[in-house]
Amino acid sequence: MNHLANEKAPSFIFATLPIVITLLLMCCQILYFGDFTPHVSLIISYLQNGYSIKTSIAAVDQLLNRGGILSMAWVMTLILIALSFGAAQEKNRLFSNNTE
């Protein structure tokens, strides 16, 4: 018999409580520090396109100036293609044991 069968699962409220607390704290922080809205577009631009930094070391410059999400798009595309290929193989039962 499964020993976990008698234990109750945590309710939805207790499972989402840390998320709600985090969101409320973030909202309070934004309100406390004031004018946050103009910087949102700059932050989104940095996330999408990356930022540019100039140091005196060429290797560090190359490492830090690689770009944002757009420079990683080929990796995300490769992952989506691999997952689609694996799903097609699973749907056609190519991974199943053929000893039946």
PDB file of N, CA and C in Angstrom:
ATOM      1  N   MET A   1       0.840  -1.176   0.000  1.00  0.00           N
ATOM      2  CA  MET A   1       0.000   0.000   0.000  1.00  0.00           C
ATOM      3  C   MET A   1       0.881   1.234   0.000  1.00  0.00           C
ATOM      4  N   ASN A   2       0.451   2.205  -0.701  1.00  0.00           N
ATOM      5  CA  ASN A   2       1.209   3.443  -0.824  1.00  0.00           C
ATOM      6  C   ASN A   2       1.085   4.249   0.464  1.00  0.00           C
ATOM      7  N   HIS A   3       2.215   4.607   1.072  1.00  0.00           N
ATOM      8  CA  HIS A   3       2.169   5.369   2.317  1.00  0.00           C
ATOM      9  C   HIS A   3       1.792   6.825   2.089  1.00  0.00           C
ATOM     10  N   LEU A   4       1.855   7.300   0.851  1.00  0.00           N
ATOM     11  CA  LEU A   4       1.477   8.674   0.547  1.00  0.00           C
ATOM     12  C   LEU A   4      -0.020   8.833   0.307  1.00  0.00           C
ATOM     13  N   ALA A   5      -0.735   7.733   0.237  1.00  0.00           N
ATOM     14  CA  ALA A   5      -2.164   7.807  -0.066  1.00  0.00           C
ATOM     15  C   ALA A   5      -2.944   8.455   1.070  1.00  0.00           C
ATOM     16  N   ASN A   6      -2.481   8.328   2.300  1.00  0.00           N
ATOM     17  CA  ASN A   6      -3.196   8.891   3.441  1.00  0.00           C
ATOM     18  C   ASN A   6      -2.881  10.365   3.674  1.00  0.00           C
ATOM     19  N   GLU A   7      -1.797  10.867   3.079  1.00  0.00           N
ATOM     20  CA  GLU A   7      -1.434  12.262   3.263  1.00  0.00           C
ATOM     21  C   GLU A   7      -2.248  13.150   2.329  1.00  0.00           C
ATOM     22  N   LYS A   8      -2.638  14.307   2.832  1.00  0.00           N
ATOM     23  CA  LYS A   8      -3.390  15.244   2.013  1.00  0.00           C
ATOM     24  C   LYS A   8      -2.425  16.099   1.195  1.00  0.00           C
ATOM     25  N   ALA A   9      -2.817  16.401  -0.021  1.00  0.00           N
ATOM     26  CA  ALA A   9      -2.025  17.283  -0.864  1.00  0.00           C
ATOM     27  C   ALA A   9      -2.209  18.720  -0.397  1.00  0.00           C
ATOM     28  N   PRO A  10      -1.190  19.574  -0.521  1.00  0.00           N
ATOM     29  CA  PRO A  10      -1.357  20.964  -0.106  1.00  0.00           C
ATOM     30  C   PRO A  10      -2.407  21.647  -0.969  1.00  0.00           C
ATOM     31  N   SER A  11      -3.148  22.528  -0.335  1.00  0.00           N
ATOM     32  CA  SER A  11      -4.209  23.196  -1.074  1.00  0.00           C
ATOM     33  C   SER A  11      -3.615  24.185  -2.053  1.00  0.00           C
ATOM     34  N   PHE A  12      -4.436  24.625  -2.965  1.00  0.00           N
ATOM     35  CA  PHE A  12      -3.992  25.540  -4.015  1.00  0.00           C
ATOM     36  C   PHE A  12      -3.534  26.868  -3.427  1.00  0.00           C
ATOM     37  N   ILE A  13      -4.186  27.316  -2.377  1.00  0.00           N
ATOM     38  CA  ILE A  13      -3.838  28.602  -1.767  1.00  0.00           C
ATOM     39  C   ILE A  13      -2.434  28.555  -1.181  1.00  0.00           C
ATOM     40  N   PHE A  14      -2.114  27.487  -0.470  1.00  0.00           N
ATOM     41  CA  PHE A  14      -0.793  27.388   0.125  1.00  0.00           C
ATOM     42  C   PHE A  14       0.287  27.144  -0.923  1.00  0.00           C
ATOM     43  N   ALA A  15      -0.077  26.510  -2.030  1.00  0.00           N
ATOM     44  CA  ALA A  15       0.898  26.271  -3.086  1.00  0.00           C
ATOM     45  C   ALA A  15       1.246  27.559  -3.822  1.00  0.00           C
ATOM     46  N   THR A  16       0.291  28.484  -3.948  1.00  0.00           N
ATOM     47  CA  THR A  16       0.543  29.720  -4.684  1.00  0.00           C
ATOM     48  C   THR A  16       0.879  30.893  -3.778  1.00  0.00           C
ATOM     49  N   LEU A  17       0.900  30.701  -2.483  1.00  0.00           N
ATOM     50  CA  LEU A  17       1.167  31.792  -1.554  1.00  0.00           C
ATOM     51  C   LEU A  17       2.541  32.442  -1.768  1.00  0.00           C
ATOM     52  N   PRO A  18       3.623  31.704  -1.970  1.00  0.00           N
ATOM     53  CA  PRO A  18       4.911  32.370  -2.223  1.00  0.00           C
ATOM     54  C   PRO A  18       4.904  33.232  -3.482  1.00  0.00           C
ATOM     55  N   ILE A  19       4.188  32.817  -4.496  1.00  0.00           N
ATOM     56  CA  ILE A  19       4.111  33.596  -5.728  1.00  0.00           C
ATOM     57  C   ILE A  19       3.384  34.904  -5.485  1.00  0.00           C
ATOM     58  N   VAL A  20       2.283  34.845  -4.779  1.00  0.00           N
ATOM     59  CA  VAL A  20       1.498  36.052  -4.488  1.00  0.00           C
ATOM     60  C   VAL A  20       2.305  37.008  -3.617  1.00  0.00           C
ATOM     61  N   ILE A  21       2.991  36.506  -2.617  1.00  0.00           N
ATOM     62  CA  ILE A  21       3.808  37.352  -1.753  1.00  0.00           C
ATOM     63  C   ILE A  21       4.921  38.026  -2.545  1.00  0.00           C
ATOM     64  N   THR A  22       5.558  37.280  -3.428  1.00  0.00           N
ATOM     65  CA  THR A  22       6.621  37.844  -4.259  1.00  0.00           C
ATOM     66  C   THR A  22       6.085  38.946  -5.154  1.00  0.00           C
ATOM     67  N   LEU A  23       4.940  38.727  -5.782  1.00  0.00           N
ATOM     68  CA  LEU A  23       4.355  39.757  -6.642  1.00  0.00           C
ATOM     69  C   LEU A  23       3.987  41.009  -5.853  1.00  0.00           C
ATOM     70  N   LEU A  24       3.434  40.842  -4.667  1.00  0.00           N
ATOM     71  CA  LEU A  24       3.092  42.000  -3.839  1.00  0.00           C
ATOM     72  C   LEU A  24       4.343  42.765  -3.411  1.00  0.00           C
ATOM     73  N   LEU A  25       5.389  42.057  -3.044  1.00  0.00           N
ATOM     74  CA  LEU A  25       6.633  42.720  -2.676  1.00  0.00           C
ATOM     75  C   LEU A  25       7.249  43.461  -3.856  1.00  0.00           C
ATOM     76  N   MET A  26       7.167  42.881  -5.041  1.00  0.00           N
ATOM     77  CA  MET A  26       7.678  43.557  -6.230  1.00  0.00           C
ATOM     78  C   MET A  26       6.892  44.825  -6.518  1.00  0.00           C
ATOM     79  N   CYS A  27       5.575  44.773  -6.383  1.00  0.00           N
ATOM     80  CA  CYS A  27       4.748  45.962  -6.603  1.00  0.00           C
ATOM     81  C   CYS A  27       5.081  47.050  -5.595  1.00  0.00           C
ATOM     82  N   CYS A  28       5.267  46.677  -4.338  1.00  0.00           N
ATOM     83  CA  CYS A  28       5.638  47.654  -3.313  1.00  0.00           C
ATOM     84  C   CYS A  28       7.003  48.269  -3.606  1.00  0.00           C
ATOM     85  N   GLN A  29       7.922  47.454  -4.076  1.00  0.00           N
ATOM     86  CA  GLN A  29       9.252  47.957  -4.396  1.00  0.00           C
ATOM     87  C   GLN A  29       9.196  48.942  -5.557  1.00  0.00           C
ATOM     88  N   ILE A  30       8.413  48.647  -6.572  1.00  0.00           N
ATOM     89  CA  ILE A  30       8.274  49.553  -7.710  1.00  0.00           C
ATOM     90  C   ILE A  30       7.647  50.865  -7.270  1.00  0.00           C
ATOM     91  N   LEU A  31       6.623  50.795  -6.428  1.00  0.00           N
ATOM     92  CA  LEU A  31       5.986  52.016  -5.942  1.00  0.00           C
ATOM     93  C   LEU A  31       6.920  52.821  -5.042  1.00  0.00           C
ATOM     94  N   TYR A  32       7.730  52.156  -4.253  1.00  0.00           N
ATOM     95  CA  TYR A  32       8.629  52.837  -3.329  1.00  0.00           C
ATOM     96  C   TYR A  32       9.750  53.564  -4.076  1.00  0.00           C
ATOM     97  N   PHE A  33      10.329  52.891  -5.063  1.00  0.00           N
ATOM     98  CA  PHE A  33      11.451  53.494  -5.771  1.00  0.00           C
ATOM     99  C   PHE A  33      11.008  54.482  -6.837  1.00  0.00           C
ATOM    100  N   GLY A  34       9.734  54.638  -7.037  1.00  0.00           N
ATOM    101  CA  GLY A  34       9.237  55.732  -7.861  1.00  0.00           C
ATOM    102  C   GLY A  34       9.131  55.414  -9.335  1.00  0.00           C
ATOM    103  N   ASP A  35       9.640  56.318 -10.128  1.00  0.00           N
ATOM    104  CA  ASP A  35       9.425  56.331 -11.571  1.00  0.00           C
ATOM    105  C   ASP A  35      10.148  55.173 -12.246  1.00  0.00           C
ATOM    106  N   PHE A  36       9.452  54.099 -12.439  1.00  0.00           N
ATOM    107  CA  PHE A  36      10.024  52.880 -13.011  1.00  0.00           C
ATOM    108  C   PHE A  36       9.649  52.712 -14.480  1.00  0.00           C
ATOM    109  N   THR A  37       8.564  53.339 -14.904  1.00  0.00           N
ATOM    110  CA  THR A  37       8.002  53.110 -16.232  1.00  0.00           C
ATOM    111  C   THR A  37       8.945  53.438 -17.387  1.00  0.00           C
ATOM    112  N   PRO A  38       9.692  54.555 -17.378  1.00  0.00           N
ATOM    113  CA  PRO A  38      10.571  54.824 -18.527  1.00  0.00           C
ATOM    114  C   PRO A  38      11.674  53.799 -18.703  1.00  0.00           C
ATOM    115  N   HIS A  39      12.042  53.129 -17.637  1.00  0.00           N
ATOM    116  CA  HIS A  39      13.137  52.165 -17.726  1.00  0.00           C
ATOM    117  C   HIS A  39      12.688  50.791 -18.205  1.00  0.00           C
ATOM    118  N   VAL A  40      11.398  50.555 -18.281  1.00  0.00           N
ATOM    119  CA  VAL A  40      10.897  49.246 -18.708  1.00  0.00           C
ATOM    120  C   VAL A  40      11.307  48.965 -20.145  1.00  0.00           C
ATOM    121  N   SER A  41      11.166  49.953 -21.033  1.00  0.00           N
ATOM    122  CA  SER A  41      11.533  49.729 -22.438  1.00  0.00           C
ATOM    123  C   SER A  41      13.033  49.497 -22.584  1.00  0.00           C
ATOM    124  N   LEU A  42      13.829  50.147 -21.765  1.00  0.00           N
ATOM    125  CA  LEU A  42      15.276  49.936 -21.799  1.00  0.00           C
ATOM    126  C   LEU A  42      15.635  48.535 -21.322  1.00  0.00           C
ATOM    127  N   ILE A  43      14.979  48.069 -20.275  1.00  0.00           N
ATOM    128  CA  ILE A  43      15.235  46.721 -19.761  1.00  0.00           C
ATOM    129  C   ILE A  43      14.820  45.667 -20.785  1.00  0.00           C
ATOM    130  N   ILE A  44      13.664  45.859 -21.411  1.00  0.00           N
ATOM    131  CA  ILE A  44      13.206  44.914 -22.436  1.00  0.00           C
ATOM    132  C   ILE A  44      14.153  44.913 -23.624  1.00  0.00           C
ATOM    133  N   SER A  45      14.648  46.089 -24.003  1.00  0.00           N
ATOM    134  CA  SER A  45      15.609  46.176 -25.111  1.00  0.00           C
ATOM    135  C   SER A  45      16.898  45.433 -24.775  1.00  0.00           C
ATOM    136  N   TYR A  46      17.379  45.569 -23.537  1.00  0.00           N
ATOM    137  CA  TYR A  46      18.579  44.839 -23.129  1.00  0.00           C
ATOM    138  C   TYR A  46      18.349  43.335 -23.148  1.00  0.00           C
ATOM    139  N   LEU A  47      17.173  42.898 -22.707  1.00  0.00           N
ATOM    140  CA  LEU A  47      16.886  41.464 -22.705  1.00  0.00           C
ATOM    141  C   LEU A  47      16.806  40.902 -24.113  1.00  0.00           C
ATOM    142  N   GLN A  48      16.213  41.674 -25.017  1.00  0.00           N
ATOM    143  CA  GLN A  48      16.014  41.176 -26.372  1.00  0.00           C
ATOM    144  C   GLN A  48      17.265  41.293 -27.221  1.00  0.00           C
ATOM    145  N   ASN A  49      17.924  42.437 -27.174  1.00  0.00           N
ATOM    146  CA  ASN A  49      19.048  42.684 -28.076  1.00  0.00           C
ATOM    147  C   ASN A  49      20.407  42.582 -27.406  1.00  0.00           C
ATOM    148  N   GLY A  50      20.436  42.562 -26.096  1.00  0.00           N
ATOM    149  CA  GLY A  50      21.702  42.552 -25.375  1.00  0.00           C
ATOM    150  C   GLY A  50      22.204  43.968 -25.161  1.00  0.00           C
ATOM    151  N   TYR A  51      23.241  44.106 -24.392  1.00  0.00           N
ATOM    152  CA  TYR A  51      23.817  45.418 -24.132  1.00  0.00           C
ATOM    153  C   TYR A  51      25.265  45.409 -24.561  1.00  0.00           C
ATOM    154  N   SER A  52      25.820  46.586 -24.662  1.00  0.00           N
ATOM    155  CA  SER A  52      27.200  46.716 -25.105  1.00  0.00           C
ATOM    156  C   SER A  52      28.035  47.289 -23.971  1.00  0.00           C
ATOM    157  N   ILE A  53      29.136  46.651 -23.680  1.00  0.00           N
ATOM    158  CA  ILE A  53      30.031  47.108 -22.623  1.00  0.00           C
ATOM    159  C   ILE A  53      31.451  47.083 -23.162  1.00  0.00           C
ATOM    160  N   LYS A  54      32.243  48.041 -22.749  1.00  0.00           N
ATOM    161  CA  LYS A  54      33.620  48.157 -23.222  1.00  0.00           C
ATOM    162  C   LYS A  54      34.561  48.056 -22.032  1.00  0.00           C
ATOM    163  N   THR A  55      35.380  47.015 -22.012  1.00  0.00           N
ATOM    164  CA  THR A  55      36.404  46.872 -20.993  1.00  0.00           C
ATOM    165  C   THR A  55      37.758  46.905 -21.675  1.00  0.00           C
ATOM    166  N   SER A  56      38.807  46.824 -20.933  1.00  0.00           N
ATOM    167  CA  SER A  56      40.146  46.846 -21.531  1.00  0.00           C
ATOM    168  C   SER A  56      40.615  45.451 -21.941  1.00  0.00           C
ATOM    169  N   ILE A  57      39.839  44.439 -21.652  1.00  0.00           N
ATOM    170  CA  ILE A  57      40.221  43.065 -21.973  1.00  0.00           C
ATOM    171  C   ILE A  57      39.339  42.562 -23.107  1.00  0.00           C
ATOM    172  N   ALA A  58      39.938  42.183 -24.213  1.00  0.00           N
ATOM    173  CA  ALA A  58      39.193  41.792 -25.410  1.00  0.00           C
ATOM    174  C   ALA A  58      38.361  40.526 -25.179  1.00  0.00           C
ATOM    175  N   ALA A  59      38.885  39.572 -24.428  1.00  0.00           N
ATOM    176  CA  ALA A  59      38.152  38.326 -24.181  1.00  0.00           C
ATOM    177  C   ALA A  59      36.889  38.589 -23.362  1.00  0.00           C
ATOM    178  N   VAL A  60      36.969  39.506 -22.410  1.00  0.00           N
ATOM    179  CA  VAL A  60      35.807  39.850 -21.596  1.00  0.00           C
ATOM    180  C   VAL A  60      34.776  40.588 -22.447  1.00  0.00           C
ATOM    181  N   ASP A  61      35.247  41.491 -23.318  1.00  0.00           N
ATOM    182  CA  ASP A  61      34.330  42.191 -24.225  1.00  0.00           C
ATOM    183  C   ASP A  61      33.587  41.214 -25.122  1.00  0.00           C
ATOM    184  N   GLN A  62      34.289  40.246 -25.662  1.00  0.00           N
ATOM    185  CA  GLN A  62      33.658  39.258 -26.531  1.00  0.00           C
ATOM    186  C   GLN A  62      32.636  38.427 -25.767  1.00  0.00           C
ATOM    187  N   LEU A  63      32.923  38.101 -24.525  1.00  0.00           N
ATOM    188  CA  LEU A  63      32.022  37.292 -23.710  1.00  0.00           C
ATOM    189  C   LEU A  63      30.767  38.060 -23.314  1.00  0.00           C
ATOM    190  N   LEU A  64      30.926  39.335 -22.957  1.00  0.00           N
ATOM    191  CA  LEU A  64      29.800  40.117 -22.456  1.00  0.00           C
ATOM    192  C   LEU A  64      28.944  40.740 -23.545  1.00  0.00           C
ATOM    193  N   ASN A  65      29.451  40.868 -24.754  1.00  0.00           N
ATOM    194  CA  ASN A  65      28.716  41.531 -25.836  1.00  0.00           C
ATOM    195  C   ASN A  65      28.142  40.552 -26.844  1.00  0.00           C
ATOM    196  N   ARG A  66      27.706  39.413 -26.398  1.00  0.00           N
ATOM    197  CA  ARG A  66      27.171  38.400 -27.306  1.00  0.00           C
ATOM    198  C   ARG A  66      25.743  38.668 -27.722  1.00  0.00           C
ATOM    199  N   GLY A  67      25.000  39.436 -26.991  1.00  0.00           N
ATOM    200  CA  GLY A  67      23.627  39.748 -27.374  1.00  0.00           C
ATOM    201  C   GLY A  67      22.625  39.151 -26.423  1.00  0.00           C
ATOM    202  N   GLY A  68      21.366  39.382 -26.737  1.00  0.00           N
ATOM    203  CA  GLY A  68      20.284  38.936 -25.872  1.00  0.00           C
ATOM    204  C   GLY A  68      19.559  37.738 -26.451  1.00  0.00           C
ATOM    205  N   ILE A  69      18.251  37.781 -26.352  1.00  0.00           N
ATOM    206  CA  ILE A  69      17.414  36.663 -26.787  1.00  0.00           C
ATOM    207  C   ILE A  69      17.509  36.450 -28.293  1.00  0.00           C
ATOM    208  N   LEU A  70      17.624  37.521 -29.054  1.00  0.00           N
ATOM    209  CA  LEU A  70      17.690  37.374 -30.509  1.00  0.00           C
ATOM    210  C   LEU A  70      18.945  36.636 -30.950  1.00  0.00           C
ATOM    211  N   SER A  71      20.040  36.781 -30.214  1.00  0.00           N
ATOM    212  CA  SER A  71      21.248  36.054 -30.589  1.00  0.00           C
ATOM    213  C   SER A  71      21.152  34.571 -30.237  1.00  0.00           C
ATOM    214  N   MET A  72      20.196  34.204 -29.373  1.00  0.00           N
ATOM    215  CA  MET A  72      20.009  32.804 -28.999  1.00  0.00           C
ATOM    216  C   MET A  72      18.838  32.154 -29.735  1.00  0.00           C
ATOM    217  N   ALA A  73      18.280  32.851 -30.716  1.00  0.00           N
ATOM    218  CA  ALA A  73      17.098  32.337 -31.407  1.00  0.00           C
ATOM    219  C   ALA A  73      17.386  31.023 -32.127  1.00  0.00           C
ATOM    220  N   TRP A  74      18.590  30.861 -32.653  1.00  0.00           N
ATOM    221  CA  TRP A  74      18.892  29.617 -33.358  1.00  0.00           C
ATOM    222  C   TRP A  74      18.895  28.431 -32.402  1.00  0.00           C
ATOM    223  N   VAL A  75      19.291  28.639 -31.146  1.00  0.00           N
ATOM    224  CA  VAL A  75      19.276  27.562 -30.161  1.00  0.00           C
ATOM    225  C   VAL A  75      17.834  27.175 -29.836  1.00  0.00           C
ATOM    226  N   MET A  76      16.982  28.188 -29.664  1.00  0.00           N
ATOM    227  CA  MET A  76      15.573  27.905 -29.367  1.00  0.00           C
ATOM    228  C   MET A  76      14.903  27.194 -30.550  1.00  0.00           C
ATOM    229  N   THR A  77      15.249  27.605 -31.762  1.00  0.00           N
ATOM    230  CA  THR A  77      14.698  26.943 -32.946  1.00  0.00           C
ATOM    231  C   THR A  77      15.162  25.491 -33.023  1.00  0.00           C
ATOM    232  N   LEU A  78      16.422  25.251 -32.725  1.00  0.00           N
ATOM    233  CA  LEU A  78      16.952  23.885 -32.730  1.00  0.00           C
ATOM    234  C   LEU A  78      16.246  23.015 -31.694  1.00  0.00           C
ATOM    235  N   ILE A  79      15.987  23.566 -30.525  1.00  0.00           N
ATOM    236  CA  ILE A  79      15.289  22.819 -29.474  1.00  0.00           C
ATOM    237  C   ILE A  79      13.865  22.495 -29.907  1.00  0.00           C
ATOM    238  N   LEU A  80      13.165  23.469 -30.499  1.00  0.00           N
ATOM    239  CA  LEU A  80      11.795  23.220 -30.962  1.00  0.00           C
ATOM    240  C   LEU A  80      11.754  22.164 -32.061  1.00  0.00           C
ATOM    241  N   ILE A  81      12.713  22.203 -32.970  1.00  0.00           N
ATOM    242  CA  ILE A  81      12.757  21.194 -34.036  1.00  0.00           C
ATOM    243  C   ILE A  81      13.041  19.813 -33.445  1.00  0.00           C
ATOM    244  N   ALA A  82      13.967  19.735 -32.482  1.00  0.00           N
ATOM    245  CA  ALA A  82      14.283  18.448 -31.856  1.00  0.00           C
ATOM    246  C   ALA A  82      13.084  17.898 -31.095  1.00  0.00           C
ATOM    247  N   LEU A  83      12.368  18.765 -30.376  1.00  0.00           N
ATOM    248  CA  LEU A  83      11.181  18.302 -29.660  1.00  0.00           C
ATOM    249  C   LEU A  83      10.086  17.850 -30.616  1.00  0.00           C
ATOM    250  N   SER A  84       9.917  18.553 -31.729  1.00  0.00           N
ATOM    251  CA  SER A  84       8.920  18.147 -32.721  1.00  0.00           C
ATOM    252  C   SER A  84       9.284  16.803 -33.341  1.00  0.00           C
ATOM    253  N   PHE A  85      10.567  16.618 -33.634  1.00  0.00           N
ATOM    254  CA  PHE A  85      11.019  15.352 -34.208  1.00  0.00           C
ATOM    255  C   PHE A  85      10.813  14.206 -33.222  1.00  0.00           C
ATOM    256  N   GLY A  86      11.131  14.444 -31.954  1.00  0.00           N
ATOM    257  CA  GLY A  86      10.927  13.420 -30.932  1.00  0.00           C
ATOM    258  C   GLY A  86       9.452  13.103 -30.738  1.00  0.00           C
ATOM    259  N   ALA A  87       8.588  14.137 -30.802  1.00  0.00           N
ATOM    260  CA  ALA A  87       7.144  13.905 -30.661  1.00  0.00           C
ATOM    261  C   ALA A  87       6.607  13.094 -31.831  1.00  0.00           C
ATOM    262  N   ALA A  88       7.104  13.364 -33.021  1.00  0.00           N
ATOM    263  CA  ALA A  88       6.669  12.594 -34.196  1.00  0.00           C
ATOM    264  C   ALA A  88       7.101  11.135 -34.075  1.00  0.00           C
ATOM    265  N   GLN A  89       8.314  10.914 -33.570  1.00  0.00           N
ATOM    266  CA  GLN A  89       8.775   9.544 -33.381  1.00  0.00           C
ATOM    267  C   GLN A  89       7.965   8.834 -32.300  1.00  0.00           C
ATOM    268  N   GLU A  90       7.646   9.536 -31.240  1.00  0.00           N
ATOM    269  CA  GLU A  90       6.854   8.938 -30.171  1.00  0.00           C
ATOM    270  C   GLU A  90       5.442   8.626 -30.651  1.00  0.00           C
ATOM    271  N   LYS A  91       4.876   9.521 -31.445  1.00  0.00           N
ATOM    272  CA  LYS A  91       3.523   9.304 -31.976  1.00  0.00           C
ATOM    273  C   LYS A  91       3.483   8.081 -32.887  1.00  0.00           C
ATOM    274  N   ASN A  92       4.535   7.856 -33.642  1.00  0.00           N
ATOM    275  CA  ASN A  92       4.602   6.706 -34.545  1.00  0.00           C
ATOM    276  C   ASN A  92       5.174   5.465 -33.869  1.00  0.00           C
ATOM    277  N   ARG A  93       5.374   5.552 -32.571  1.00  0.00           N
ATOM    278  CA  ARG A  93       5.815   4.433 -31.732  1.00  0.00           C
ATOM    279  C   ARG A  93       7.163   3.852 -32.186  1.00  0.00           C
ATOM    280  N   LEU A  94       8.085   4.723 -32.537  1.00  0.00           N
ATOM    281  CA  LEU A  94       9.417   4.257 -32.927  1.00  0.00           C
ATOM    282  C   LEU A  94      10.278   3.911 -31.709  1.00  0.00           C
ATOM    283  N   PHE A  95       9.894   4.395 -30.530  1.00  0.00           N
ATOM    284  CA  PHE A  95      10.639   4.126 -29.315  1.00  0.00           C
ATOM    285  C   PHE A  95      10.122   2.926 -28.556  1.00  0.00           C
ATOM    286  N   SER A  96       9.011   2.355 -29.002  1.00  0.00           N
ATOM    287  CA  SER A  96       8.410   1.267 -28.239  1.00  0.00           C
ATOM    288  C   SER A  96       9.199  -0.035 -28.424  1.00  0.00           C
ATOM    289  N   ASN A  97       8.991  -0.932 -27.497  1.00  0.00           N
ATOM    290  CA  ASN A  97       9.658  -2.231 -27.547  1.00  0.00           C
ATOM    291  C   ASN A  97       8.897  -3.113 -28.529  1.00  0.00           C
ATOM    292  N   ASN A  98       9.590  -3.624 -29.519  1.00  0.00           N
ATOM    293  CA  ASN A  98       8.926  -4.409 -30.582  1.00  0.00           C
ATOM    294  C   ASN A  98       8.935  -5.904 -30.294  1.00  0.00           C
ATOM    295  N   THR A  99       8.879  -6.299 -29.050  1.00  0.00           N
ATOM    296  CA  THR A  99       8.909  -7.724 -28.711  1.00  0.00           C
ATOM    297  C   THR A  99       7.509  -8.310 -28.568  1.00  0.00           C
ATOM    298  N   GLU A 100       6.491  -7.575 -28.884  1.00  0.00           N
ATOM    299  CA  GLU A 100       5.118  -8.059 -28.710  1.00  0.00           C
ATOM    300  C   GLU A 100       4.765  -9.092 -29.749  1.00  0.00           C
TER     301      GLU A 100
END
